[in-house]
Amino acid sequence: MHLSKRTLSSALYLLPACLTLIFFSACGNVNDNSPVTRYELRGTIVSFNKDQQQVVIAHEPVPGLMEAMTMPFTLREPESAYDAMKPGAQIHATLAVSGERSWLENPVIIVAEPAPASAPSPPSGSTLSEPTHGGEIPNFALVNQDGKKFTLRQHRGRALAVTFIYTRCPLPDFCPLLSSKFAEVNRALASDEGLSARARLLSVTIDPAYDTPKVLRSYGAGHTGNFSDEKFRTWEFATGDKDEIRRMANYFGLAYEEEAGQIVHSLRTAVVSPDGTLHKIYRQNEWSPAELIADLRALGGETTTR
């Protein structure tokens, strides 16, 4: 979902305490009928990426939503706000949550002059490298939702889509959105016997201390809608040794850190070929279930026109 472009306005004020206060206004619209709930958000800018329309903020507690933590937020309008951002600057904004989306509105950026000497640092793995296309995926060892140990090599012979989530993720356009997309792909597998024989889905938690096999079984069954009847034949959920989980996440270029009981993390969804090599990496959450289904069909020897 993309927010509509609008005319932007800003005003600049200089305060006696050597602060620059920059106001930006925009209308945050959604393209569906989901109700929008808005929260006040205050915090410190850690880093930002204008091209990805994302700003990482170390924020205060958001009453009624989440504790204080450091995490990324989407800010699509106004884009000119990024030109005023500096690591260590204060930001006040409205956090809007609607269905599977969330975004920031009406940011106010407060820049100290000069900027603080030591600003918060982004996650240490934020510049992690990614595997190359066609490279063989290491044989990571995991534990599934039934407590059964397995390795990625056991999925050889089938196309495999891997994503990373954690069950307590509070923002709808991060882990909940990825799981909803995987649920749609899983329904396509269930309705196509040929495809289900050639493809598998795997969601790996980055919170192994909390996301035990029992927790993952409940979470997974809730997303399939089969609850106690779910057999997890085509979509598995995995936890494991915390060091092995981090090695696997870092291998695919995903960075994460724990902050106040929550986890700030980037997004990665990988598609692995039946021979165990990397086919594709989706780096954000903008990919569609139809795109992933097409990848799985192609790798399984089926055409996308079926």
C-alpha atoms as a PDB file:
ATOM      1  CA  MET A   1       0.000   0.000   0.000  1.00  0.00           C
ATOM      2  CA  HIS A   2       1.334   3.429  -0.932  1.00  0.00           C
ATOM      3  CA  LEU A   3       0.250   6.760   0.459  1.00  0.00           C
ATOM      4  CA  SER A   4      -0.935   9.387  -2.041  1.00  0.00           C
ATOM      5  CA  LYS A   5       1.369  12.314  -2.907  1.00  0.00           C
ATOM      6  CA  ARG A   6       0.241  15.697  -1.621  1.00  0.00           C
ATOM      7  CA  THR A   7       1.540  19.231  -1.495  1.00  0.00           C
ATOM      8  CA  LEU A   8       3.825  19.564   1.511  1.00  0.00           C
ATOM      9  CA  SER A   9       4.325  22.534   3.791  1.00  0.00           C
ATOM     10  CA  SER A  10       6.931  23.234   6.459  1.00  0.00           C
ATOM     11  CA  ALA A  11       7.928  26.087   8.747  1.00  0.00           C
ATOM     12  CA  LEU A  12      11.280  26.705  10.405  1.00  0.00           C
ATOM     13  CA  TYR A  13      11.690  28.273  13.826  1.00  0.00           C
ATOM     14  CA  LEU A  14      14.859  29.121  15.766  1.00  0.00           C
ATOM     15  CA  LEU A  15      14.627  28.819  19.540  1.00  0.00           C
ATOM     16  CA  PRO A  16      16.821  30.544  22.156  1.00  0.00           C
ATOM     17  CA  ALA A  17      18.172  27.208  23.423  1.00  0.00           C
ATOM     18  CA  CYS A  18      20.004  26.656  20.112  1.00  0.00           C
ATOM     19  CA  LEU A  19      17.416  24.230  18.819  1.00  0.00           C
ATOM     20  CA  THR A  20      16.005  24.036  15.327  1.00  0.00           C
ATOM     21  CA  LEU A  21      12.394  22.910  15.241  1.00  0.00           C
ATOM     22  CA  ILE A  22      11.114  21.670  11.883  1.00  0.00           C
ATOM     23  CA  PHE A  23       7.434  20.911  11.337  1.00  0.00           C
ATOM     24  CA  PHE A  24       6.116  18.773   8.498  1.00  0.00           C
ATOM     25  CA  SER A  25       2.523  17.977   7.708  1.00  0.00           C
ATOM     26  CA  ALA A  26       0.903  15.395   5.451  1.00  0.00           C
ATOM     27  CA  CYS A  27      -2.286  13.405   5.234  1.00  0.00           C
ATOM     28  CA  GLY A  28      -1.796   9.691   5.891  1.00  0.00           C
ATOM     29  CA  ASN A  29      -4.383   7.754   3.910  1.00  0.00           C
ATOM     30  CA  VAL A  30      -4.949   4.027   3.497  1.00  0.00           C
ATOM     31  CA  ASN A  31      -6.434   2.301   0.493  1.00  0.00           C
ATOM     32  CA  ASP A  32      -8.796   0.018   2.379  1.00  0.00           C
ATOM     33  CA  ASN A  33     -11.619   0.386   4.881  1.00  0.00           C
ATOM     34  CA  SER A  34      -9.623  -0.689   7.937  1.00  0.00           C
ATOM     35  CA  PRO A  35     -10.052   1.674  10.897  1.00  0.00           C
ATOM     36  CA  VAL A  36      -7.013   3.786  11.768  1.00  0.00           C
ATOM     37  CA  THR A  37      -5.769   4.033  15.355  1.00  0.00           C
ATOM     38  CA  ARG A  38      -3.287   6.803  16.109  1.00  0.00           C
ATOM     39  CA  TYR A  39      -0.712   7.061  18.888  1.00  0.00           C
ATOM     40  CA  GLU A  40       1.708   9.790  19.944  1.00  0.00           C
ATOM     41  CA  LEU A  41       5.331   8.767  19.393  1.00  0.00           C
ATOM     42  CA  ARG A  42       8.409  10.528  20.763  1.00  0.00           C
ATOM     43  CA  GLY A  43      12.000   9.460  20.481  1.00  0.00           C
ATOM     44  CA  THR A  44      15.512   9.897  19.097  1.00  0.00           C
ATOM     45  CA  ILE A  45      16.448   9.300  15.470  1.00  0.00           C
ATOM     46  CA  VAL A  46      19.033   6.526  15.218  1.00  0.00           C
ATOM     47  CA  SER A  47      19.302   6.259  11.442  1.00  0.00           C
ATOM     48  CA  PHE A  48      17.204   6.787   8.317  1.00  0.00           C
ATOM     49  CA  ASN A  49      16.988   5.747   4.671  1.00  0.00           C
ATOM     50  CA  LYS A  50      15.102   8.073   2.356  1.00  0.00           C
ATOM     51  CA  ASP A  51      15.119   5.613  -0.561  1.00  0.00           C
ATOM     52  CA  GLN A  52      13.419   2.965   1.583  1.00  0.00           C
ATOM     53  CA  GLN A  53      11.229   5.591   3.316  1.00  0.00           C
ATOM     54  CA  GLN A  54      12.259   4.265   6.694  1.00  0.00           C
ATOM     55  CA  VAL A  55      13.524   5.863   9.903  1.00  0.00           C
ATOM     56  CA  VAL A  56      14.878   3.954  12.917  1.00  0.00           C
ATOM     57  CA  ILE A  57      13.800   5.573  16.189  1.00  0.00           C
ATOM     58  CA  ALA A  58      14.716   4.856  19.797  1.00  0.00           C
ATOM     59  CA  HIS A  59      11.301   5.760  21.158  1.00  0.00           C
ATOM     60  CA  GLU A  60       9.624   6.203  24.511  1.00  0.00           C
ATOM     61  CA  PRO A  61       6.788   3.864  25.610  1.00  0.00           C
ATOM     62  CA  VAL A  62       3.700   4.143  23.430  1.00  0.00           C
ATOM     63  CA  PRO A  63       0.759   3.753  25.852  1.00  0.00           C
ATOM     64  CA  GLY A  64      -1.664   1.080  24.750  1.00  0.00           C
ATOM     65  CA  LEU A  65       0.691  -0.340  22.113  1.00  0.00           C
ATOM     66  CA  MET A  66       4.277  -1.145  23.135  1.00  0.00           C
ATOM     67  CA  GLU A  67       7.134  -0.496  25.522  1.00  0.00           C
ATOM     68  CA  ALA A  68      10.108   1.743  24.810  1.00  0.00           C
ATOM     69  CA  MET A  69      12.445   0.237  22.211  1.00  0.00           C
ATOM     70  CA  THR A  70      14.424   0.941  19.070  1.00  0.00           C
ATOM     71  CA  MET A  71      12.755  -0.024  15.805  1.00  0.00           C
ATOM     72  CA  PRO A  72      12.172   1.102  12.201  1.00  0.00           C
ATOM     73  CA  PHE A  73       9.097   3.025  11.078  1.00  0.00           C
ATOM     74  CA  THR A  74       7.723   3.917   7.657  1.00  0.00           C
ATOM     75  CA  LEU A  75       7.531   7.621   6.782  1.00  0.00           C
ATOM     76  CA  ARG A  76       6.412   8.110   3.174  1.00  0.00           C
ATOM     77  CA  GLU A  77       5.134  11.682   3.418  1.00  0.00           C
ATOM     78  CA  PRO A  78       6.549  14.229   3.554  1.00  0.00           C
ATOM     79  CA  GLU A  79       9.794  13.039   1.927  1.00  0.00           C
ATOM     80  CA  SER A  80      11.347  16.429   2.635  1.00  0.00           C
ATOM     81  CA  ALA A  81      11.461  15.459   6.336  1.00  0.00           C
ATOM     82  CA  TYR A  82      14.448  13.222   5.573  1.00  0.00           C
ATOM     83  CA  ASP A  83      16.477  16.259   4.501  1.00  0.00           C
ATOM     84  CA  ALA A  84      16.150  17.661   8.043  1.00  0.00           C
ATOM     85  CA  MET A  85      17.004  14.434   9.872  1.00  0.00           C
ATOM     86  CA  LYS A  86      20.210  13.827  11.786  1.00  0.00           C
ATOM     87  CA  PRO A  87      21.150  10.879  14.002  1.00  0.00           C
ATOM     88  CA  GLY A  88      20.578  12.024  17.564  1.00  0.00           C
ATOM     89  CA  ALA A  89      17.820  14.489  16.669  1.00  0.00           C
ATOM     90  CA  GLN A  90      14.530  14.299  18.542  1.00  0.00           C
ATOM     91  CA  ILE A  91      11.353  13.414  16.669  1.00  0.00           C
ATOM     92  CA  HIS A  92       7.693  13.785  17.637  1.00  0.00           C
ATOM     93  CA  ALA A  93       5.170  12.144  15.307  1.00  0.00           C
ATOM     94  CA  THR A  94       1.835  10.379  15.092  1.00  0.00           C
ATOM     95  CA  LEU A  95       2.027   6.604  14.660  1.00  0.00           C
ATOM     96  CA  ALA A  96      -0.945   5.406  12.610  1.00  0.00           C
ATOM     97  CA  VAL A  97      -1.910   1.716  12.630  1.00  0.00           C
ATOM     98  CA  SER A  98      -4.503   0.299  10.232  1.00  0.00           C
ATOM     99  CA  GLY A  99      -5.015  -3.373   9.480  1.00  0.00           C
ATOM    100  CA  GLU A 100      -1.676  -4.766   8.334  1.00  0.00           C
ATOM    101  CA  ARG A 101      -0.031  -1.351   7.897  1.00  0.00           C
ATOM    102  CA  SER A 102       1.534   1.315  10.080  1.00  0.00           C
ATOM    103  CA  TRP A 103       3.192   4.628   9.262  1.00  0.00           C
ATOM    104  CA  LEU A 104       4.263   7.936  10.774  1.00  0.00           C
ATOM    105  CA  GLU A 105       2.398  11.182  10.189  1.00  0.00           C
ATOM    106  CA  ASN A 106       3.139  14.867  10.879  1.00  0.00           C
ATOM    107  CA  PRO A 107       6.721  14.516  12.116  1.00  0.00           C
ATOM    108  CA  VAL A 108       8.314  17.305  14.134  1.00  0.00           C
ATOM    109  CA  ILE A 109      12.112  17.116  14.146  1.00  0.00           C
ATOM    110  CA  ILE A 110      14.148  18.896  16.841  1.00  0.00           C
ATOM    111  CA  VAL A 111      17.830  19.260  15.991  1.00  0.00           C
ATOM    112  CA  ALA A 112      20.295  20.400  18.657  1.00  0.00           C
ATOM    113  CA  GLU A 113      23.104  22.691  17.445  1.00  0.00           C
ATOM    114  CA  PRO A 114      25.644  21.199  17.421  1.00  0.00           C
ATOM    115  CA  ALA A 115      24.390  17.624  17.285  1.00  0.00           C
ATOM    116  CA  PRO A 116      25.098  15.418  20.316  1.00  0.00           C
ATOM    117  CA  ALA A 117      28.575  13.925  20.307  1.00  0.00           C
ATOM    118  CA  SER A 118      27.295  10.409  20.884  1.00  0.00           C
ATOM    119  CA  ALA A 119      24.026   9.393  19.269  1.00  0.00           C
ATOM    120  CA  PRO A 120      22.496   5.932  19.536  1.00  0.00           C
ATOM    121  CA  SER A 121      23.950   3.404  17.105  1.00  0.00           C
ATOM    122  CA  PRO A 122      21.917   1.322  14.674  1.00  0.00           C
ATOM    123  CA  PRO A 123      21.959  -2.495  15.016  1.00  0.00           C
ATOM    124  CA  SER A 124      25.513  -3.751  14.575  1.00  0.00           C
ATOM    125  CA  GLY A 125      24.433  -6.055  11.757  1.00  0.00           C
ATOM    126  CA  SER A 126      22.703  -3.351   9.727  1.00  0.00           C
ATOM    127  CA  THR A 127      25.452  -3.521   7.085  1.00  0.00           C
ATOM    128  CA  LEU A 128      25.570  -7.301   6.900  1.00  0.00           C
ATOM    129  CA  SER A 129      26.462  -8.769   3.548  1.00  0.00           C
ATOM    130  CA  GLU A 130      24.083 -11.100   1.732  1.00  0.00           C
ATOM    131  CA  PRO A 131      24.712 -14.435   0.026  1.00  0.00           C
ATOM    132  CA  THR A 132      25.213 -14.406  -3.713  1.00  0.00           C
ATOM    133  CA  HIS A 133      22.667 -15.747  -6.177  1.00  0.00           C
ATOM    134  CA  GLY A 134      23.339 -19.417  -6.821  1.00  0.00           C
ATOM    135  CA  GLY A 135      25.419 -19.868  -3.674  1.00  0.00           C
ATOM    136  CA  GLU A 136      24.853 -23.009  -1.610  1.00  0.00           C
ATOM    137  CA  ILE A 137      22.925 -22.392   1.625  1.00  0.00           C
ATOM    138  CA  PRO A 138      24.638 -23.726   4.786  1.00  0.00           C
ATOM    139  CA  ASN A 139      22.969 -26.702   6.442  1.00  0.00           C
ATOM    140  CA  PHE A 140      21.493 -24.812   9.410  1.00  0.00           C
ATOM    141  CA  ALA A 141      20.089 -26.980  12.219  1.00  0.00           C
ATOM    142  CA  LEU A 142      16.685 -26.032  13.665  1.00  0.00           C
ATOM    143  CA  VAL A 143      13.787 -27.358  15.762  1.00  0.00           C
ATOM    144  CA  ASN A 144      10.242 -27.254  14.387  1.00  0.00           C
ATOM    145  CA  GLN A 145       6.895 -26.504  16.052  1.00  0.00           C
ATOM    146  CA  ASP A 146       6.602 -30.164  17.124  1.00  0.00           C
ATOM    147  CA  GLY A 147      10.003 -30.191  18.830  1.00  0.00           C
ATOM    148  CA  LYS A 148      11.532 -32.217  16.003  1.00  0.00           C
ATOM    149  CA  LYS A 149      15.114 -31.448  15.003  1.00  0.00           C
ATOM    150  CA  PHE A 150      15.822 -30.943  11.302  1.00  0.00           C
ATOM    151  CA  THR A 151      18.283 -29.279   8.956  1.00  0.00           C
ATOM    152  CA  LEU A 152      17.746 -27.235   5.812  1.00  0.00           C
ATOM    153  CA  ARG A 153      19.291 -30.035   3.785  1.00  0.00           C
ATOM    154  CA  GLN A 154      16.211 -32.125   4.537  1.00  0.00           C
ATOM    155  CA  HIS A 155      14.265 -29.771   2.270  1.00  0.00           C
ATOM    156  CA  ARG A 156      16.458 -30.611  -0.726  1.00  0.00           C
ATOM    157  CA  GLY A 157      14.403 -31.597  -3.747  1.00  0.00           C
ATOM    158  CA  ARG A 158      11.762 -28.946  -3.118  1.00  0.00           C
ATOM    159  CA  ALA A 159      11.656 -25.192  -3.533  1.00  0.00           C
ATOM    160  CA  LEU A 160      11.785 -23.524  -0.115  1.00  0.00           C
ATOM    161  CA  ALA A 161      10.729 -20.026   0.984  1.00  0.00           C
ATOM    162  CA  VAL A 162      12.272 -18.871   4.275  1.00  0.00           C
ATOM    163  CA  THR A 163      11.301 -15.808   6.282  1.00  0.00           C
ATOM    164  CA  PHE A 164      12.116 -14.512   9.779  1.00  0.00           C
ATOM    165  CA  ILE A 165       9.534 -13.457  12.364  1.00  0.00           C
ATOM    166  CA  TYR A 166       8.863 -13.386  16.077  1.00  0.00           C
ATOM    167  CA  THR A 167       5.467 -13.938  17.632  1.00  0.00           C
ATOM    168  CA  ARG A 168       5.423 -10.825  19.860  1.00  0.00           C
ATOM    169  CA  CYS A 169       6.212  -8.388  17.013  1.00  0.00           C
ATOM    170  CA  PRO A 170       3.939  -5.361  17.689  1.00  0.00           C
ATOM    171  CA  LEU A 171       3.738  -3.591  14.318  1.00  0.00           C
ATOM    172  CA  PRO A 172       1.320  -4.989  11.728  1.00  0.00           C
ATOM    173  CA  ASP A 173       3.518  -4.304   8.693  1.00  0.00           C
ATOM    174  CA  PHE A 174       6.448  -6.339   9.963  1.00  0.00           C
ATOM    175  CA  CYS A 175       6.135  -9.939  11.220  1.00  0.00           C
ATOM    176  CA  PRO A 176       2.299 -10.078  11.164  1.00  0.00           C
ATOM    177  CA  LEU A 177       2.285  -8.943   7.530  1.00  0.00           C
ATOM    178  CA  LEU A 178       4.942 -11.490   6.526  1.00  0.00           C
ATOM    179  CA  SER A 179       2.987 -14.256   8.262  1.00  0.00           C
ATOM    180  CA  SER A 180      -0.243 -13.172   6.577  1.00  0.00           C
ATOM    181  CA  LYS A 181       1.486 -13.326   3.196  1.00  0.00           C
ATOM    182  CA  PHE A 182       2.915 -16.765   3.941  1.00  0.00           C
ATOM    183  CA  ALA A 183      -0.585 -17.864   5.008  1.00  0.00           C
ATOM    184  CA  GLU A 184      -1.904 -16.849   1.580  1.00  0.00           C
ATOM    185  CA  VAL A 185       0.901 -18.744  -0.160  1.00  0.00           C
ATOM    186  CA  ASN A 186       0.206 -21.736   2.068  1.00  0.00           C
ATOM    187  CA  ARG A 187      -3.444 -21.725   0.982  1.00  0.00           C
ATOM    188  CA  ALA A 188      -2.247 -21.830  -2.628  1.00  0.00           C
ATOM    189  CA  LEU A 189      -0.104 -24.857  -1.797  1.00  0.00           C
ATOM    190  CA  ALA A 190      -3.008 -26.579  -0.087  1.00  0.00           C
ATOM    191  CA  SER A 191      -5.237 -26.096  -3.130  1.00  0.00           C
ATOM    192  CA  ASP A 192      -2.661 -27.378  -5.633  1.00  0.00           C
ATOM    193  CA  GLU A 193      -1.467 -30.931  -5.095  1.00  0.00           C
ATOM    194  CA  GLY A 194       1.311 -30.603  -7.652  1.00  0.00           C
ATOM    195  CA  LEU A 195       2.694 -27.428  -6.122  1.00  0.00           C
ATOM    196  CA  SER A 196       2.400 -28.718  -2.552  1.00  0.00           C
ATOM    197  CA  ALA A 197       4.559 -31.702  -3.485  1.00  0.00           C
ATOM    198  CA  ARG A 198       7.294 -29.412  -4.814  1.00  0.00           C
ATOM    199  CA  ALA A 199       7.399 -26.487  -2.381  1.00  0.00           C
ATOM    200  CA  ARG A 200       7.629 -25.715   1.314  1.00  0.00           C
ATOM    201  CA  LEU A 201       7.445 -22.623   3.555  1.00  0.00           C
ATOM    202  CA  LEU A 202       9.568 -22.026   6.646  1.00  0.00           C
ATOM    203  CA  SER A 203       9.168 -19.239   9.233  1.00  0.00           C
ATOM    204  CA  VAL A 204      12.130 -18.950  11.608  1.00  0.00           C
ATOM    205  CA  THR A 205      11.840 -17.052  14.886  1.00  0.00           C
ATOM    206  CA  ILE A 206      14.516 -14.549  15.891  1.00  0.00           C
ATOM    207  CA  ASP A 207      13.254 -14.770  19.499  1.00  0.00           C
ATOM    208  CA  PRO A 208      14.118 -18.378  20.436  1.00  0.00           C
ATOM    209  CA  ALA A 209      14.072 -17.642  24.183  1.00  0.00           C
ATOM    210  CA  TYR A 210      10.328 -16.915  24.053  1.00  0.00           C
ATOM    211  CA  ASP A 211       9.188 -18.657  20.870  1.00  0.00           C
ATOM    212  CA  THR A 212       9.319 -22.273  21.981  1.00  0.00           C
ATOM    213  CA  PRO A 213       7.951 -25.051  19.758  1.00  0.00           C
ATOM    214  CA  LYS A 214       4.681 -24.862  21.715  1.00  0.00           C
ATOM    215  CA  VAL A 215       4.382 -21.102  21.140  1.00  0.00           C
ATOM    216  CA  LEU A 216       5.203 -21.486  17.449  1.00  0.00           C
ATOM    217  CA  ARG A 217       2.661 -24.288  17.030  1.00  0.00           C
ATOM    218  CA  SER A 218      -0.081 -22.071  18.452  1.00  0.00           C
ATOM    219  CA  TYR A 219       1.043 -19.069  16.392  1.00  0.00           C
ATOM    220  CA  GLY A 220       1.282 -21.086  13.189  1.00  0.00           C
ATOM    221  CA  ALA A 221      -2.030 -22.866  13.628  1.00  0.00           C
ATOM    222  CA  GLY A 222      -3.696 -19.526  14.250  1.00  0.00           C
ATOM    223  CA  HIS A 223      -2.398 -18.224  10.926  1.00  0.00           C
ATOM    224  CA  THR A 224      -3.563 -21.264   8.975  1.00  0.00           C
ATOM    225  CA  GLY A 225      -6.950 -21.230  10.698  1.00  0.00           C
ATOM    226  CA  ASN A 226      -6.809 -24.991  11.314  1.00  0.00           C
ATOM    227  CA  PHE A 227      -5.886 -24.641  14.997  1.00  0.00           C
ATOM    228  CA  SER A 228      -5.626 -28.068  16.683  1.00  0.00           C
ATOM    229  CA  ASP A 229      -6.108 -29.823  13.338  1.00  0.00           C
ATOM    230  CA  GLU A 230      -3.066 -28.240  11.684  1.00  0.00           C
ATOM    231  CA  LYS A 231      -0.510 -30.817  10.472  1.00  0.00           C
ATOM    232  CA  PHE A 232       2.132 -28.324   9.214  1.00  0.00           C
ATOM    233  CA  ARG A 233       2.750 -30.369   6.071  1.00  0.00           C
ATOM    234  CA  THR A 234       3.672 -27.424   3.837  1.00  0.00           C
ATOM    235  CA  TRP A 235       4.453 -24.600   6.285  1.00  0.00           C
ATOM    236  CA  GLU A 236       6.797 -25.185   9.213  1.00  0.00           C
ATOM    237  CA  PHE A 237       7.781 -22.869  12.054  1.00  0.00           C
ATOM    238  CA  ALA A 238      11.239 -23.179  13.561  1.00  0.00           C
ATOM    239  CA  THR A 239      13.257 -22.180  16.572  1.00  0.00           C
ATOM    240  CA  GLY A 240      16.609 -23.499  17.781  1.00  0.00           C
ATOM    241  CA  ASP A 241      19.872 -22.597  19.436  1.00  0.00           C
ATOM    242  CA  LYS A 242      20.129 -18.818  19.703  1.00  0.00           C
ATOM    243  CA  ASP A 243      23.599 -18.737  18.151  1.00  0.00           C
ATOM    244  CA  GLU A 244      22.485 -20.903  15.237  1.00  0.00           C
ATOM    245  CA  ILE A 245      19.452 -18.672  14.693  1.00  0.00           C
ATOM    246  CA  ARG A 246      21.673 -15.579  14.597  1.00  0.00           C
ATOM    247  CA  ARG A 247      24.122 -17.233  12.194  1.00  0.00           C
ATOM    248  CA  MET A 248      21.246 -18.110   9.890  1.00  0.00           C
ATOM    249  CA  ALA A 249      19.651 -14.657  10.072  1.00  0.00           C
ATOM    250  CA  ASN A 250      22.984 -12.906   9.540  1.00  0.00           C
ATOM    251  CA  TYR A 251      23.762 -15.194   6.605  1.00  0.00           C
ATOM    252  CA  PHE A 252      20.669 -13.899   4.805  1.00  0.00           C
ATOM    253  CA  GLY A 253      21.566 -10.293   5.715  1.00  0.00           C
ATOM    254  CA  LEU A 254      18.997  -9.832   8.485  1.00  0.00           C
ATOM    255  CA  ALA A 255      20.085  -7.695  11.462  1.00  0.00           C
ATOM    256  CA  TYR A 256      18.288  -7.721  14.816  1.00  0.00           C
ATOM    257  CA  GLU A 257      18.761  -6.633  18.426  1.00  0.00           C
ATOM    258  CA  GLU A 258      16.648  -6.917  21.552  1.00  0.00           C
ATOM    259  CA  GLU A 259      15.373  -3.689  23.105  1.00  0.00           C
ATOM    260  CA  ALA A 260      13.185  -3.630  26.232  1.00  0.00           C
ATOM    261  CA  GLY A 261      11.673  -7.044  25.629  1.00  0.00           C
ATOM    262  CA  GLN A 262      11.019  -6.401  21.930  1.00  0.00           C
ATOM    263  CA  ILE A 263      13.236  -6.912  18.901  1.00  0.00           C
ATOM    264  CA  VAL A 264      14.206  -4.320  16.327  1.00  0.00           C
ATOM    265  CA  HIS A 265      14.984  -6.060  13.072  1.00  0.00           C
ATOM    266  CA  SER A 266      15.221  -5.747   9.331  1.00  0.00           C
ATOM    267  CA  LEU A 267      13.206  -7.930   6.931  1.00  0.00           C
ATOM    268  CA  ARG A 268      14.363 -10.784   4.715  1.00  0.00           C
ATOM    269  CA  THR A 269      12.517 -13.490   2.811  1.00  0.00           C
ATOM    270  CA  ALA A 270      14.683 -15.930   0.861  1.00  0.00           C
ATOM    271  CA  VAL A 271      13.757 -18.377  -1.887  1.00  0.00           C
ATOM    272  CA  VAL A 272      15.946 -21.498  -2.009  1.00  0.00           C
ATOM    273  CA  SER A 273      16.150 -23.718  -5.080  1.00  0.00           C
ATOM    274  CA  PRO A 274      15.567 -27.486  -4.826  1.00  0.00           C
ATOM    275  CA  ASP A 275      19.335 -28.020  -5.116  1.00  0.00           C
ATOM    276  CA  GLY A 276      19.897 -25.972  -1.939  1.00  0.00           C
ATOM    277  CA  THR A 277      21.215 -22.812  -3.606  1.00  0.00           C
ATOM    278  CA  LEU A 278      19.915 -19.261  -3.252  1.00  0.00           C
ATOM    279  CA  HIS A 279      17.413 -18.219  -5.914  1.00  0.00           C
ATOM    280  CA  LYS A 280      16.239 -14.815  -4.618  1.00  0.00           C
ATOM    281  CA  ILE A 281      16.076 -12.528  -1.590  1.00  0.00           C
ATOM    282  CA  TYR A 282      13.182 -10.154  -0.903  1.00  0.00           C
ATOM    283  CA  ARG A 283      14.602  -7.428   1.347  1.00  0.00           C
ATOM    284  CA  GLN A 284      11.471  -5.608   2.510  1.00  0.00           C
ATOM    285  CA  ASN A 285       7.771  -6.419   2.894  1.00  0.00           C
ATOM    286  CA  GLU A 286       6.573  -5.074  -0.465  1.00  0.00           C
ATOM    287  CA  TRP A 287       6.609  -8.424  -2.272  1.00  0.00           C
ATOM    288  CA  SER A 288       3.264 -10.060  -2.993  1.00  0.00           C
ATOM    289  CA  PRO A 289       2.113 -13.630  -2.352  1.00  0.00           C
ATOM    290  CA  ALA A 290       1.575 -13.965  -6.110  1.00  0.00           C
ATOM    291  CA  GLU A 291       5.275 -13.200  -6.725  1.00  0.00           C
ATOM    292  CA  LEU A 292       6.386 -15.834  -4.230  1.00  0.00           C
ATOM    293  CA  ILE A 293       3.950 -18.406  -5.637  1.00  0.00           C
ATOM    294  CA  ALA A 294       5.364 -17.721  -9.109  1.00  0.00           C
ATOM    295  CA  ASP A 295       8.903 -18.304  -7.783  1.00  0.00           C
ATOM    296  CA  LEU A 296       7.909 -21.601  -6.186  1.00  0.00           C
ATOM    297  CA  ARG A 297       6.108 -22.774  -9.319  1.00  0.00           C
ATOM    298  CA  ALA A 298       9.080 -21.931 -11.536  1.00  0.00           C
ATOM    299  CA  LEU A 299      11.554 -23.678  -9.252  1.00  0.00           C
ATOM    300  CA  GLY A 300       9.254 -26.676  -8.980  1.00  0.00           C
ATOM    301  CA  GLY A 301       9.207 -27.046 -12.763  1.00  0.00           C
ATOM    302  CA  GLU A 302       5.761 -25.505 -13.239  1.00  0.00           C
ATOM    303  CA  THR A 303       4.842 -22.465 -15.325  1.00  0.00           C
ATOM    304  CA  THR A 304       3.258 -19.351 -13.872  1.00  0.00           C
ATOM    305  CA  THR A 305       0.468 -19.477 -16.483  1.00  0.00           C
ATOM    306  CA  ARG A 306      -1.021 -22.569 -14.992  1.00  0.00           C
END
